[in-house]
Amino acid sequence: KAKGNKQANTLMDPINDTKSTILLKTEIQRLQQSNDHLKQRLSKYEKDDELLNQQLEETT
């Protein structure tokens, strides 16, 4: 009986589900932006690293 009751509660709560979905989508977008930003920084560091390695090779 408890199981059926619990299921009825979740079915009767679409507003909460919608809020949760919106919050999750917002969080996913935020994380994707953060991820993109970190990827850009990483590629910049990799380029800097390549340049430094080239300079080292030239001086040695």
Protein backbone atom coordinates (compact mmCIF):
# COMPACT_ATOMS: atom_id res chain seq x y z
CA LYS A 1 0.00 0.00 0.00
CA ALA A 2 2.82 2.41 0.82
CA LYS A 3 4.34 1.92 -2.62
CA GLY A 4 1.14 2.86 -4.42
CA ASN A 5 0.77 5.94 -2.23
CA LYS A 6 4.32 7.07 -2.95
CA GLN A 7 3.77 6.67 -6.68
CA ALA A 8 0.59 8.75 -6.50
CA ASN A 9 2.52 11.52 -4.76
CA THR A 10 5.15 11.68 -7.48
CA LEU A 11 2.48 11.71 -10.16
CA MET A 12 0.68 14.58 -8.44
CA ASP A 13 3.82 16.71 -8.24
CA PRO A 14 4.60 17.81 -11.82
CA ILE A 15 5.39 21.36 -10.68
CA ASN A 16 8.25 20.15 -8.49
CA ASP A 17 9.52 17.95 -11.31
CA THR A 18 9.51 20.94 -13.66
CA LYS A 19 11.43 23.05 -11.13
CA SER A 20 13.98 20.28 -10.67
CA THR A 21 14.37 19.91 -14.43
CA ILE A 22 14.90 23.64 -14.88
CA LEU A 23 17.46 23.72 -12.06
CA LEU A 24 19.31 20.76 -13.55
CA LYS A 25 19.33 22.31 -17.03
CA THR A 26 20.63 25.57 -15.59
CA GLU A 27 23.35 23.72 -13.71
CA ILE A 28 24.30 21.75 -16.83
CA GLN A 29 24.61 24.97 -18.84
CA ARG A 30 26.76 26.53 -16.12
CA LEU A 31 29.03 23.48 -16.04
CA GLN A 32 29.31 23.42 -19.84
CA GLN A 33 30.33 27.09 -19.87
CA SER A 34 32.87 26.43 -17.14
CA ASN A 35 34.14 23.42 -19.07
CA ASP A 36 34.52 25.47 -22.28
CA HIS A 37 36.36 28.17 -20.36
CA LEU A 38 38.75 25.62 -18.85
CA LYS A 39 39.35 24.01 -22.26
CA GLN A 40 40.25 27.43 -23.69
CA ARG A 41 42.68 28.08 -20.84
CA LEU A 42 44.17 24.62 -21.25
CA SER A 43 44.78 25.10 -24.97
CA LYS A 44 46.37 28.48 -24.24
CA TYR A 45 48.72 26.86 -21.72
CA GLU A 46 49.53 24.11 -24.21
CA LYS A 47 50.42 26.72 -26.85
CA ASP A 48 52.56 28.62 -24.34
CA ASP A 49 54.25 25.35 -23.41
CA GLU A 50 55.02 24.59 -27.07
CA LEU A 51 56.49 28.06 -27.55
CA LEU A 52 58.67 27.72 -24.46
CA ASN A 53 59.89 24.31 -25.61
CA GLN A 54 60.79 25.77 -29.01
CA GLN A 55 62.68 28.61 -27.36
CA LEU A 56 64.54 26.13 -25.14
CA GLU A 57 65.52 24.03 -28.16
CA GLU A 58 66.79 27.13 -29.96
CA THR A 59 68.95 28.23 -27.03
CA THR A 60 70.48 24.81 -26.38
